[in-house]
Amino acid sequence: MTNQVVQLAPKSLANLLHLRGEGVNEILASFGADSLEIFQYRQLGDGQFVAKLGADELYVSVEPSVELAEEKNQYAFPRGDAAFELSGNWKALLSEVCIYDFRQCRPGDFLMVSIAGISAWLLIPESDKPLILGCDPTYGHYFQETLIKQIEKSPFLKTELENDDRRS
């Protein structure tokens, strides 16, 4: 990944739901995502995705919302997560605030990690695409402010930017 300026921006997600119940693979199939393994996601459009969290558990952000089957004990838990788009060399930033070794992740992975002491989920993108991440909305302001301060004060990110400027 090239050393790009790291930027964080709020991201709006459509109808973010945590789904549980029997037959959620049918819901996956309705999105053409029935081949997803656990802790993988598929992008369905801007701000829209489906992620498989378990055999009977999904995270979805879609427009319009998902239809559930009461007879299959399917439940939807609306989420109001604070969501963000992190562009540039996001791995460099996260290596400073998260213990997870991002060298082992692959595009399409759905991760749940602790970032700056906050439980967060991440949609690992294709190379040079922005990372989408979210957390409980009660921590959203702290999460955003902490990451912005780290971007501004990081001696490692600053060094990368200075090296880029010298190469130009």
N, C-alpha and C. Protein backbone atom coordinates (compact mmCIF):
# COMPACT_ATOMS: atom_id res chain seq x y z
N MET A 1 0.86 -1.18 0.00
CA MET A 1 0.00 0.00 0.00
C MET A 1 0.89 1.23 0.00
N THR A 2 0.56 2.22 -0.80
CA THR A 2 1.34 3.44 -0.85
C THR A 2 1.09 4.26 0.39
N ASN A 3 2.05 5.14 0.68
CA ASN A 3 1.93 6.01 1.85
C ASN A 3 1.10 7.22 1.48
N GLN A 4 -0.18 7.14 1.75
CA GLN A 4 -1.12 8.21 1.43
C GLN A 4 -1.53 8.90 2.71
N VAL A 5 -1.98 10.14 2.57
CA VAL A 5 -2.50 10.86 3.71
C VAL A 5 -3.67 10.08 4.30
N VAL A 6 -3.65 9.89 5.60
CA VAL A 6 -4.71 9.16 6.28
C VAL A 6 -5.81 10.15 6.66
N GLN A 7 -7.04 9.83 6.28
CA GLN A 7 -8.17 10.70 6.59
C GLN A 7 -9.31 9.86 7.15
N LEU A 8 -10.03 10.44 8.12
CA LEU A 8 -11.18 9.80 8.73
C LEU A 8 -12.41 10.67 8.49
N ALA A 9 -13.49 10.05 8.03
CA ALA A 9 -14.74 10.78 7.78
C ALA A 9 -15.91 9.95 8.28
N PRO A 10 -16.94 10.60 8.84
CA PRO A 10 -18.16 9.87 9.23
C PRO A 10 -18.78 9.21 8.00
N LYS A 11 -19.41 8.07 8.20
CA LYS A 11 -20.02 7.30 7.11
C LYS A 11 -21.45 6.96 7.50
N SER A 12 -22.37 7.18 6.60
CA SER A 12 -23.76 6.83 6.84
C SER A 12 -24.01 5.42 6.30
N LEU A 13 -24.64 4.58 7.13
CA LEU A 13 -24.98 3.22 6.71
C LEU A 13 -26.49 3.06 6.71
N ALA A 14 -27.01 2.41 5.68
CA ALA A 14 -28.45 2.22 5.53
C ALA A 14 -28.93 1.03 6.35
N ASN A 15 -29.93 1.24 7.19
CA ASN A 15 -30.61 0.15 7.90
C ASN A 15 -29.66 -0.90 8.47
N LEU A 16 -28.70 -0.50 9.28
CA LEU A 16 -27.76 -1.45 9.86
C LEU A 16 -28.50 -2.34 10.85
N LEU A 17 -28.46 -3.66 10.60
CA LEU A 17 -29.17 -4.63 11.42
C LEU A 17 -28.25 -5.79 11.79
N HIS A 18 -28.47 -6.31 12.99
CA HIS A 18 -27.84 -7.56 13.42
C HIS A 18 -28.95 -8.59 13.37
N LEU A 19 -28.84 -9.57 12.48
CA LEU A 19 -29.88 -10.58 12.28
C LEU A 19 -29.47 -11.90 12.92
N ARG A 20 -30.45 -12.55 13.53
CA ARG A 20 -30.23 -13.89 14.10
C ARG A 20 -31.44 -14.75 13.80
N GLY A 21 -31.19 -16.05 13.67
CA GLY A 21 -32.29 -16.99 13.50
C GLY A 21 -31.99 -18.07 12.49
N GLU A 22 -32.94 -18.98 12.39
CA GLU A 22 -32.82 -20.08 11.44
C GLU A 22 -32.97 -19.55 10.01
N GLY A 23 -32.27 -20.16 9.12
CA GLY A 23 -32.45 -19.83 7.71
C GLY A 23 -31.84 -18.53 7.24
N VAL A 24 -30.89 -17.98 7.99
CA VAL A 24 -30.28 -16.73 7.51
C VAL A 24 -29.47 -16.94 6.24
N ASN A 25 -29.10 -18.19 5.96
CA ASN A 25 -28.40 -18.45 4.70
C ASN A 25 -29.29 -18.14 3.50
N GLU A 26 -30.61 -18.23 3.68
CA GLU A 26 -31.53 -17.84 2.62
C GLU A 26 -31.45 -16.33 2.38
N ILE A 27 -31.27 -15.58 3.45
CA ILE A 27 -31.11 -14.13 3.32
C ILE A 27 -29.80 -13.84 2.59
N LEU A 28 -28.73 -14.56 2.96
CA LEU A 28 -27.45 -14.41 2.26
C LEU A 28 -27.62 -14.69 0.77
N ALA A 29 -28.33 -15.77 0.46
CA ALA A 29 -28.55 -16.15 -0.94
C ALA A 29 -29.31 -15.06 -1.70
N SER A 30 -30.23 -14.38 -1.03
CA SER A 30 -31.00 -13.32 -1.69
C SER A 30 -30.09 -12.16 -2.12
N PHE A 31 -28.92 -12.04 -1.51
CA PHE A 31 -27.93 -11.02 -1.88
C PHE A 31 -26.83 -11.59 -2.77
N GLY A 32 -26.96 -12.86 -3.15
CA GLY A 32 -25.92 -13.52 -3.94
C GLY A 32 -24.66 -13.74 -3.14
N ALA A 33 -24.81 -13.89 -1.83
CA ALA A 33 -23.65 -14.02 -0.94
C ALA A 33 -23.66 -15.32 -0.16
N ASP A 34 -24.34 -16.34 -0.67
CA ASP A 34 -24.47 -17.60 0.07
C ASP A 34 -23.15 -18.34 0.23
N SER A 35 -22.11 -17.95 -0.50
CA SER A 35 -20.80 -18.61 -0.38
C SER A 35 -19.92 -17.99 0.71
N LEU A 36 -20.41 -16.97 1.40
CA LEU A 36 -19.60 -16.32 2.44
C LEU A 36 -19.28 -17.29 3.57
N GLU A 37 -18.04 -17.23 4.03
CA GLU A 37 -17.62 -17.96 5.22
C GLU A 37 -17.87 -17.06 6.43
N ILE A 38 -17.79 -17.64 7.61
CA ILE A 38 -17.95 -16.85 8.84
C ILE A 38 -16.84 -15.80 8.91
N PHE A 39 -17.21 -14.61 9.30
CA PHE A 39 -16.36 -13.43 9.40
C PHE A 39 -15.83 -12.95 8.05
N GLN A 40 -16.71 -13.06 7.04
CA GLN A 40 -16.47 -12.46 5.75
C GLN A 40 -17.67 -11.57 5.41
N TYR A 41 -17.45 -10.62 4.52
CA TYR A 41 -18.56 -9.75 4.08
C TYR A 41 -18.51 -9.59 2.57
N ARG A 42 -19.63 -9.11 2.04
CA ARG A 42 -19.71 -8.76 0.63
C ARG A 42 -20.28 -7.36 0.52
N GLN A 43 -19.60 -6.51 -0.24
CA GLN A 43 -20.06 -5.16 -0.52
C GLN A 43 -21.22 -5.25 -1.50
N LEU A 44 -22.32 -4.55 -1.21
CA LEU A 44 -23.51 -4.59 -2.08
C LEU A 44 -23.77 -3.26 -2.76
N GLY A 45 -23.01 -2.25 -2.42
CA GLY A 45 -23.19 -0.90 -2.95
C GLY A 45 -22.59 0.06 -1.95
N ASP A 46 -22.65 1.34 -2.24
CA ASP A 46 -22.07 2.34 -1.34
C ASP A 46 -22.79 2.30 0.01
N GLY A 47 -22.07 1.97 1.06
CA GLY A 47 -22.65 1.91 2.40
C GLY A 47 -23.55 0.71 2.62
N GLN A 48 -23.54 -0.24 1.70
CA GLN A 48 -24.39 -1.42 1.83
C GLN A 48 -23.52 -2.67 1.78
N PHE A 49 -23.77 -3.57 2.73
CA PHE A 49 -23.00 -4.81 2.80
C PHE A 49 -23.78 -5.86 3.57
N VAL A 50 -23.32 -7.10 3.46
CA VAL A 50 -23.83 -8.19 4.28
C VAL A 50 -22.60 -8.94 4.80
N ALA A 51 -22.60 -9.26 6.10
CA ALA A 51 -21.49 -9.98 6.72
C ALA A 51 -22.02 -11.18 7.47
N LYS A 52 -21.30 -12.27 7.38
CA LYS A 52 -21.69 -13.50 8.08
C LYS A 52 -20.88 -13.60 9.37
N LEU A 53 -21.60 -13.56 10.51
CA LEU A 53 -20.93 -13.60 11.82
C LEU A 53 -20.99 -14.98 12.46
N GLY A 54 -21.85 -15.83 11.98
CA GLY A 54 -22.00 -17.17 12.54
C GLY A 54 -22.95 -17.96 11.67
N ALA A 55 -23.20 -19.21 12.06
CA ALA A 55 -24.09 -20.07 11.27
C ALA A 55 -25.49 -19.48 11.15
N ASP A 56 -25.96 -18.80 12.18
CA ASP A 56 -27.31 -18.22 12.19
C ASP A 56 -27.28 -16.73 12.54
N GLU A 57 -26.25 -16.03 12.07
CA GLU A 57 -26.08 -14.64 12.48
C GLU A 57 -25.45 -13.82 11.36
N LEU A 58 -26.06 -12.66 11.07
CA LEU A 58 -25.59 -11.75 10.02
C LEU A 58 -25.56 -10.32 10.52
N TYR A 59 -24.75 -9.51 9.87
CA TYR A 59 -24.77 -8.06 9.99
C TYR A 59 -25.13 -7.58 8.60
N VAL A 60 -26.15 -6.74 8.46
CA VAL A 60 -26.51 -6.24 7.15
C VAL A 60 -26.75 -4.73 7.19
N SER A 61 -26.39 -4.10 6.13
CA SER A 61 -26.68 -2.69 5.91
C SER A 61 -27.17 -2.61 4.47
N VAL A 62 -28.51 -2.59 4.31
CA VAL A 62 -29.09 -2.61 2.96
C VAL A 62 -30.30 -1.69 2.88
N GLU A 63 -30.58 -1.26 1.68
CA GLU A 63 -31.75 -0.45 1.36
C GLU A 63 -32.50 -1.17 0.25
N PRO A 64 -33.75 -1.53 0.33
CA PRO A 64 -34.60 -1.43 1.52
C PRO A 64 -34.24 -2.50 2.54
N SER A 65 -34.88 -2.44 3.68
CA SER A 65 -34.57 -3.34 4.78
C SER A 65 -34.91 -4.79 4.44
N VAL A 66 -34.41 -5.71 5.23
CA VAL A 66 -34.57 -7.15 5.02
C VAL A 66 -35.92 -7.63 5.55
N GLU A 67 -36.55 -8.54 4.82
CA GLU A 67 -37.79 -9.19 5.27
C GLU A 67 -37.43 -10.42 6.08
N LEU A 68 -38.02 -10.57 7.26
CA LEU A 68 -37.73 -11.70 8.13
C LEU A 68 -38.88 -12.69 8.16
N ALA A 69 -38.57 -13.93 8.53
CA ALA A 69 -39.57 -14.99 8.62
C ALA A 69 -39.80 -15.33 10.09
N GLU A 70 -40.96 -14.94 10.61
CA GLU A 70 -41.29 -15.18 12.01
C GLU A 70 -41.29 -16.67 12.35
N GLU A 71 -41.76 -17.49 11.41
CA GLU A 71 -41.82 -18.93 11.66
C GLU A 71 -40.43 -19.56 11.77
N LYS A 72 -39.39 -18.86 11.34
CA LYS A 72 -38.02 -19.37 11.46
C LYS A 72 -37.28 -18.71 12.62
N ASN A 73 -38.05 -18.06 13.50
CA ASN A 73 -37.45 -17.39 14.66
C ASN A 73 -36.32 -16.45 14.27
N GLN A 74 -36.55 -15.67 13.22
CA GLN A 74 -35.55 -14.69 12.79
C GLN A 74 -35.83 -13.37 13.50
N TYR A 75 -34.77 -12.79 14.01
CA TYR A 75 -34.88 -11.53 14.75
C TYR A 75 -33.92 -10.52 14.17
N ALA A 76 -34.35 -9.26 14.16
CA ALA A 76 -33.51 -8.16 13.71
C ALA A 76 -33.31 -7.19 14.86
N PHE A 77 -32.06 -6.89 15.13
CA PHE A 77 -31.71 -5.92 16.16
C PHE A 77 -31.13 -4.69 15.46
N PRO A 78 -31.92 -3.61 15.39
CA PRO A 78 -31.42 -2.39 14.74
C PRO A 78 -30.17 -1.86 15.43
N ARG A 79 -29.21 -1.43 14.64
CA ARG A 79 -27.96 -0.90 15.16
C ARG A 79 -27.86 0.57 14.77
N GLY A 80 -27.39 1.37 15.67
CA GLY A 80 -27.16 2.78 15.39
C GLY A 80 -25.68 3.09 15.49
N ASP A 81 -24.85 2.17 15.06
CA ASP A 81 -23.40 2.31 15.21
C ASP A 81 -22.87 3.60 14.61
N ALA A 82 -21.86 4.15 15.26
CA ALA A 82 -21.09 5.24 14.67
C ALA A 82 -20.21 4.58 13.62
N ALA A 83 -20.28 5.02 12.39
CA ALA A 83 -19.51 4.41 11.31
C ALA A 83 -18.62 5.46 10.66
N PHE A 84 -17.48 5.00 10.17
CA PHE A 84 -16.48 5.90 9.60
C PHE A 84 -15.83 5.26 8.38
N GLU A 85 -15.28 6.13 7.54
CA GLU A 85 -14.47 5.70 6.40
C GLU A 85 -13.06 6.20 6.66
N LEU A 86 -12.12 5.28 6.65
CA LEU A 86 -10.72 5.61 6.90
C LEU A 86 -9.94 5.35 5.62
N SER A 87 -9.45 6.42 5.01
CA SER A 87 -8.75 6.30 3.73
C SER A 87 -7.26 6.56 3.91
N GLY A 88 -6.51 6.23 2.88
CA GLY A 88 -5.06 6.36 2.94
C GLY A 88 -4.44 5.11 3.57
N ASN A 89 -3.29 5.29 4.18
CA ASN A 89 -2.57 4.16 4.76
C ASN A 89 -3.15 3.82 6.13
N TRP A 90 -4.37 3.29 6.12
CA TRP A 90 -5.09 3.00 7.36
C TRP A 90 -4.40 1.94 8.20
N LYS A 91 -3.67 1.02 7.57
CA LYS A 91 -2.96 0.00 8.34
C LYS A 91 -1.88 0.62 9.23
N ALA A 92 -1.20 1.64 8.74
CA ALA A 92 -0.18 2.31 9.54
C ALA A 92 -0.81 2.97 10.77
N LEU A 93 -1.93 3.64 10.56
CA LEU A 93 -2.61 4.28 11.70
C LEU A 93 -3.09 3.24 12.70
N LEU A 94 -3.79 2.22 12.22
CA LEU A 94 -4.34 1.23 13.14
C LEU A 94 -3.26 0.43 13.86
N SER A 95 -2.09 0.30 13.27
CA SER A 95 -1.01 -0.42 13.96
C SER A 95 -0.56 0.34 15.22
N GLU A 96 -0.90 1.61 15.31
CA GLU A 96 -0.55 2.42 16.48
C GLU A 96 -1.60 2.36 17.58
N VAL A 97 -2.82 1.98 17.25
CA VAL A 97 -3.92 2.03 18.24
C VAL A 97 -4.63 0.69 18.42
N CYS A 98 -4.12 -0.36 17.76
CA CYS A 98 -4.77 -1.66 17.81
C CYS A 98 -3.70 -2.76 17.81
N ILE A 99 -3.89 -3.76 18.66
CA ILE A 99 -2.90 -4.83 18.77
C ILE A 99 -2.98 -5.85 17.63
N TYR A 100 -4.06 -5.86 16.88
CA TYR A 100 -4.24 -6.83 15.79
C TYR A 100 -3.16 -6.64 14.72
N ASP A 101 -2.63 -7.73 14.21
CA ASP A 101 -1.63 -7.70 13.15
C ASP A 101 -2.36 -7.71 11.80
N PHE A 102 -2.50 -6.55 11.19
CA PHE A 102 -3.27 -6.41 9.95
C PHE A 102 -2.60 -7.04 8.74
N ARG A 103 -1.37 -7.52 8.88
CA ARG A 103 -0.72 -8.22 7.76
C ARG A 103 -1.43 -9.54 7.46
N GLN A 104 -2.17 -10.07 8.44
CA GLN A 104 -2.83 -11.36 8.25
C GLN A 104 -4.24 -11.26 7.67
N CYS A 105 -4.80 -10.07 7.59
CA CYS A 105 -6.17 -9.94 7.08
C CYS A 105 -6.17 -9.89 5.55
N ARG A 106 -7.33 -10.22 5.00
CA ARG A 106 -7.52 -10.26 3.55
C ARG A 106 -8.76 -9.46 3.17
N PRO A 107 -8.79 -8.89 1.96
CA PRO A 107 -10.01 -8.21 1.52
C PRO A 107 -11.21 -9.15 1.65
N GLY A 108 -12.30 -8.60 2.16
CA GLY A 108 -13.51 -9.38 2.38
C GLY A 108 -13.65 -9.89 3.80
N ASP A 109 -12.61 -9.70 4.63
CA ASP A 109 -12.69 -10.10 6.04
C ASP A 109 -13.53 -9.10 6.82
N PHE A 110 -14.33 -9.62 7.73
CA PHE A 110 -15.09 -8.81 8.70
C PHE A 110 -14.40 -9.06 10.04
N LEU A 111 -13.78 -8.02 10.59
CA LEU A 111 -13.03 -8.18 11.84
C LEU A 111 -13.75 -7.50 13.00
N MET A 112 -13.58 -8.05 14.16
CA MET A 112 -14.02 -7.42 15.41
C MET A 112 -12.78 -7.32 16.28
N VAL A 113 -12.37 -6.08 16.56
CA VAL A 113 -11.12 -5.82 17.28
C VAL A 113 -11.34 -4.69 18.29
N SER A 114 -10.33 -4.46 19.10
CA SER A 114 -10.33 -3.33 20.02
C SER A 114 -9.39 -2.27 19.45
N ILE A 115 -9.92 -1.06 19.26
CA ILE A 115 -9.14 0.06 18.75
C ILE A 115 -9.22 1.18 19.77
N ALA A 116 -8.09 1.59 20.29
CA ALA A 116 -8.04 2.64 21.31
C ALA A 116 -8.98 2.33 22.48
N GLY A 117 -9.05 1.05 22.82
CA GLY A 117 -9.88 0.62 23.95
C GLY A 117 -11.36 0.46 23.65
N ILE A 118 -11.76 0.60 22.39
CA ILE A 118 -13.16 0.51 21.98
C ILE A 118 -13.35 -0.72 21.09
N SER A 119 -14.39 -1.51 21.38
CA SER A 119 -14.71 -2.63 20.50
C SER A 119 -15.25 -2.07 19.19
N ALA A 120 -14.67 -2.55 18.10
CA ALA A 120 -15.04 -2.04 16.78
C ALA A 120 -15.11 -3.19 15.78
N TRP A 121 -15.87 -2.96 14.71
CA TRP A 121 -15.90 -3.91 13.59
C TRP A 121 -15.32 -3.20 12.37
N LEU A 122 -14.71 -3.98 11.48
CA LEU A 122 -14.05 -3.44 10.31
C LEU A 122 -14.38 -4.28 9.08
N LEU A 123 -14.54 -3.62 7.96
CA LEU A 123 -14.72 -4.27 6.67
C LEU A 123 -13.41 -4.09 5.90
N ILE A 124 -12.61 -5.15 5.83
CA ILE A 124 -11.30 -5.05 5.18
C ILE A 124 -11.51 -4.93 3.67
N PRO A 125 -11.03 -3.81 3.09
CA PRO A 125 -11.28 -3.54 1.67
C PRO A 125 -10.21 -4.12 0.75
N GLU A 126 -10.47 -3.99 -0.54
CA GLU A 126 -9.44 -4.27 -1.54
C GLU A 126 -8.32 -3.24 -1.37
N SER A 127 -7.15 -3.53 -1.89
CA SER A 127 -6.01 -2.62 -1.78
C SER A 127 -6.37 -1.21 -2.21
N ASP A 128 -5.87 -0.25 -1.47
CA ASP A 128 -6.03 1.18 -1.74
C ASP A 128 -7.46 1.68 -1.72
N LYS A 129 -8.39 0.89 -1.21
CA LYS A 129 -9.77 1.34 -1.01
C LYS A 129 -9.92 1.74 0.45
N PRO A 130 -10.86 2.62 0.78
CA PRO A 130 -11.05 3.01 2.18
C PRO A 130 -11.58 1.86 3.05
N LEU A 131 -11.18 1.88 4.29
CA LEU A 131 -11.66 0.94 5.30
C LEU A 131 -12.94 1.50 5.90
N ILE A 132 -13.95 0.65 6.05
CA ILE A 132 -15.18 1.04 6.75
C ILE A 132 -15.11 0.40 8.12
N LEU A 133 -15.37 1.18 9.14
CA LEU A 133 -15.35 0.66 10.50
C LEU A 133 -16.44 1.30 11.32
N GLY A 134 -16.85 0.61 12.38
CA GLY A 134 -17.92 1.12 13.21
C GLY A 134 -17.76 0.68 14.66
N CYS A 135 -18.48 1.37 15.52
CA CYS A 135 -18.46 1.05 16.95
C CYS A 135 -19.80 1.47 17.56
N ASP A 136 -20.00 1.09 18.80
CA ASP A 136 -21.19 1.49 19.54
C ASP A 136 -21.33 3.01 19.46
N PRO A 137 -22.53 3.52 19.21
CA PRO A 137 -22.70 4.96 19.04
C PRO A 137 -22.34 5.79 20.27
N THR A 138 -22.41 5.20 21.46
CA THR A 138 -22.07 5.97 22.66
C THR A 138 -20.58 6.28 22.72
N TYR A 139 -19.76 5.56 21.95
CA TYR A 139 -18.32 5.80 21.90
C TYR A 139 -17.90 6.52 20.63
N GLY A 140 -18.84 6.84 19.76
CA GLY A 140 -18.53 7.40 18.46
C GLY A 140 -17.69 8.66 18.51
N HIS A 141 -18.07 9.62 19.36
CA HIS A 141 -17.33 10.89 19.44
C HIS A 141 -15.91 10.65 19.93
N TYR A 142 -15.77 9.87 21.01
CA TYR A 142 -14.44 9.55 21.54
C TYR A 142 -13.60 8.84 20.49
N PHE A 143 -14.19 7.86 19.82
CA PHE A 143 -13.50 7.07 18.81
C PHE A 143 -12.98 7.98 17.70
N GLN A 144 -13.86 8.83 17.18
CA GLN A 144 -13.47 9.75 16.11
C GLN A 144 -12.38 10.71 16.56
N GLU A 145 -12.55 11.33 17.72
CA GLU A 145 -11.56 12.29 18.21
C GLU A 145 -10.21 11.63 18.47
N THR A 146 -10.22 10.43 19.02
CA THR A 146 -8.98 9.71 19.31
C THR A 146 -8.23 9.39 18.02
N LEU A 147 -8.95 8.90 17.01
CA LEU A 147 -8.28 8.57 15.75
C LEU A 147 -7.76 9.82 15.04
N ILE A 148 -8.53 10.90 15.07
CA ILE A 148 -8.07 12.16 14.45
C ILE A 148 -6.82 12.67 15.15
N LYS A 149 -6.81 12.65 16.48
CA LYS A 149 -5.61 13.09 17.22
C LYS A 149 -4.41 12.22 16.89
N GLN A 150 -4.63 10.92 16.75
CA GLN A 150 -3.52 10.02 16.40
C GLN A 150 -3.00 10.33 15.01
N ILE A 151 -3.89 10.61 14.08
CA ILE A 151 -3.48 10.98 12.71
C ILE A 151 -2.62 12.25 12.77
N GLU A 152 -3.06 13.23 13.54
CA GLU A 152 -2.37 14.52 13.61
C GLU A 152 -1.03 14.44 14.34
N LYS A 153 -0.92 13.59 15.36
CA LYS A 153 0.27 13.58 16.21
C LYS A 153 1.22 12.41 15.98
N SER A 154 0.86 11.49 15.14
CA SER A 154 1.68 10.30 14.94
C SER A 154 3.03 10.66 14.33
N PRO A 155 4.12 10.32 15.03
CA PRO A 155 5.43 10.57 14.43
C PRO A 155 5.69 9.64 13.24
N PHE A 156 5.06 8.48 13.21
CA PHE A 156 5.26 7.53 12.12
C PHE A 156 4.54 7.97 10.86
N LEU A 157 3.29 8.44 10.99
CA LEU A 157 2.56 8.91 9.83
C LEU A 157 3.19 10.18 9.29
N LYS A 158 3.67 11.05 10.19
CA LYS A 158 4.31 12.29 9.78
C LYS A 158 5.60 11.97 9.01
N THR A 159 6.37 11.00 9.48
CA THR A 159 7.59 10.59 8.80
C THR A 159 7.27 10.10 7.40
N GLU A 160 6.21 9.30 7.25
CA GLU A 160 5.83 8.80 5.93
C GLU A 160 5.47 9.96 5.00
N LEU A 161 4.73 10.95 5.52
CA LEU A 161 4.35 12.09 4.69
C LEU A 161 5.58 12.90 4.28
N GLU A 162 6.53 13.12 5.22
CA GLU A 162 7.74 13.86 4.91
C GLU A 162 8.56 13.12 3.84
N ASN A 163 8.65 11.80 3.95
CA ASN A 163 9.38 11.00 2.94
C ASN A 163 8.70 11.13 1.59
N ASP A 164 7.38 11.12 1.54
CA ASP A 164 6.66 11.30 0.29
C ASP A 164 6.96 12.66 -0.32
N ASP A 165 6.99 13.72 0.55
CA ASP A 165 7.26 15.07 0.06
C ASP A 165 8.68 15.16 -0.54
N ARG A 166 9.65 14.49 0.10
CA ARG A 166 11.03 14.52 -0.40
C ARG A 166 11.16 13.81 -1.74
N ARG A 167 10.34 12.78 -1.97
CA ARG A 167 10.40 12.03 -3.22
C ARG A 167 9.79 12.82 -4.37
N SER A 168 8.89 13.75 -4.06
CA SER A 168 8.20 14.51 -5.12
C SER A 168 9.10 15.48 -5.82
